[in-house]
């Protein structure tokens, strides 16, 4: 189960039917929307479009 504050990857379906991923910190979650803050900015994802979501480890340190 993912919770606000976790680093997550969320796979979700686009309007075209294709799937894509959002990777970053889960900054908010309610019954209708997940908000992931990642390298592409904040992504607001409809819960009805979510295929899978899981907690992922912290990003590796830059070299």
C-alpha atoms as a PDB file:
ATOM      1  CA  UNK A   1       0.000   0.000   0.000  1.00  0.00           C
ATOM      2  CA  UNK A   2       1.420   3.387  -0.974  1.00  0.00           C
ATOM      3  CA  UNK A   3       1.020   6.402   1.294  1.00  0.00           C
ATOM      4  CA  UNK A   4       1.712  10.118   1.084  1.00  0.00           C
ATOM      5  CA  UNK A   5       5.434  10.751   1.529  1.00  0.00           C
ATOM      6  CA  UNK A   6       6.520   7.503  -0.163  1.00  0.00           C
ATOM      7  CA  UNK A   7       8.672   7.457  -3.291  1.00  0.00           C
ATOM      8  CA  UNK A   8       6.462   5.588  -5.749  1.00  0.00           C
ATOM      9  CA  UNK A   9       6.033   4.461  -9.302  1.00  0.00           C
ATOM     10  CA  UNK A  10       2.456   4.627 -10.591  1.00  0.00           C
ATOM     11  CA  UNK A  11       1.523   2.960 -13.876  1.00  0.00           C
ATOM     12  CA  UNK A  12      -1.588   4.480 -15.394  1.00  0.00           C
ATOM     13  CA  UNK A  13      -3.546   4.519 -18.634  1.00  0.00           C
ATOM     14  CA  UNK A  14      -3.507   7.563 -20.929  1.00  0.00           C
ATOM     15  CA  UNK A  15      -6.566   8.738 -22.889  1.00  0.00           C
ATOM     16  CA  UNK A  16      -5.063   7.000 -25.953  1.00  0.00           C
ATOM     17  CA  UNK A  17      -5.181   3.661 -24.141  1.00  0.00           C
ATOM     18  CA  UNK A  18      -1.410   3.444 -23.767  1.00  0.00           C
ATOM     19  CA  UNK A  19       0.184   3.007 -20.356  1.00  0.00           C
ATOM     20  CA  UNK A  20       2.837   5.257 -18.832  1.00  0.00           C
ATOM     21  CA  UNK A  21       4.598   5.620 -15.487  1.00  0.00           C
ATOM     22  CA  UNK A  22       4.924   8.451 -12.983  1.00  0.00           C
ATOM     23  CA  UNK A  23       7.952   8.215 -10.681  1.00  0.00           C
ATOM     24  CA  UNK A  24       8.458  10.457  -7.663  1.00  0.00           C
ATOM     25  CA  UNK A  25       7.136  11.399  -4.248  1.00  0.00           C
ATOM     26  CA  UNK A  26       3.452  10.845  -3.594  1.00  0.00           C
ATOM     27  CA  UNK A  27       2.430  14.286  -2.319  1.00  0.00           C
ATOM     28  CA  UNK A  28      -1.319  13.756  -2.073  1.00  0.00           C
ATOM     29  CA  UNK A  29      -3.889  11.025  -2.443  1.00  0.00           C
ATOM     30  CA  UNK A  30      -7.642  10.948  -2.079  1.00  0.00           C
ATOM     31  CA  UNK A  31     -10.521   8.844  -3.377  1.00  0.00           C
ATOM     32  CA  UNK A  32     -10.229  10.277  -6.908  1.00  0.00           C
ATOM     33  CA  UNK A  33      -6.676  11.550  -7.531  1.00  0.00           C
ATOM     34  CA  UNK A  34      -3.031  10.727  -6.839  1.00  0.00           C
ATOM     35  CA  UNK A  35      -0.437  13.512  -7.162  1.00  0.00           C
ATOM     36  CA  UNK A  36       3.157  12.472  -7.853  1.00  0.00           C
ATOM     37  CA  UNK A  37       5.978  15.040  -7.763  1.00  0.00           C
ATOM     38  CA  UNK A  38       8.811  13.863 -10.014  1.00  0.00           C
ATOM     39  CA  UNK A  39      11.313  15.076 -12.603  1.00  0.00           C
ATOM     40  CA  UNK A  40       8.464  15.945 -15.011  1.00  0.00           C
ATOM     41  CA  UNK A  41       6.783  18.109 -12.371  1.00  0.00           C
ATOM     42  CA  UNK A  42       3.576  17.321 -10.538  1.00  0.00           C
ATOM     43  CA  UNK A  43       1.386  14.751 -12.217  1.00  0.00           C
ATOM     44  CA  UNK A  44      -2.262  14.499 -11.200  1.00  0.00           C
ATOM     45  CA  UNK A  45      -3.492  10.982 -11.920  1.00  0.00           C
ATOM     46  CA  UNK A  46      -7.097   9.852 -11.792  1.00  0.00           C
ATOM     47  CA  UNK A  47      -7.437   6.801  -9.543  1.00  0.00           C
ATOM     48  CA  UNK A  48      -9.703   5.232 -12.174  1.00  0.00           C
ATOM     49  CA  UNK A  49      -6.761   5.208 -14.632  1.00  0.00           C
ATOM     50  CA  UNK A  50      -4.255   3.570 -12.242  1.00  0.00           C
ATOM     51  CA  UNK A  51      -3.109   0.099 -13.281  1.00  0.00           C
ATOM     52  CA  UNK A  52      -0.545  -0.456 -10.500  1.00  0.00           C
ATOM     53  CA  UNK A  53       1.352   1.487  -7.856  1.00  0.00           C
ATOM     54  CA  UNK A  54       4.222   0.511  -5.593  1.00  0.00           C
ATOM     55  CA  UNK A  55       6.811   1.969  -3.248  1.00  0.00           C
ATOM     56  CA  UNK A  56      10.323   2.164  -4.723  1.00  0.00           C
ATOM     57  CA  UNK A  57      13.690   2.726  -3.025  1.00  0.00           C
ATOM     58  CA  UNK A  58      15.312   6.164  -2.879  1.00  0.00           C
ATOM     59  CA  UNK A  59      17.026   7.404  -6.029  1.00  0.00           C
ATOM     60  CA  UNK A  60      20.738   6.585  -6.200  1.00  0.00           C
ATOM     61  CA  UNK A  61      23.136   9.352  -5.202  1.00  0.00           C
ATOM     62  CA  UNK A  62      24.597  11.322  -8.120  1.00  0.00           C
ATOM     63  CA  UNK A  63      28.130  10.371  -9.095  1.00  0.00           C
END
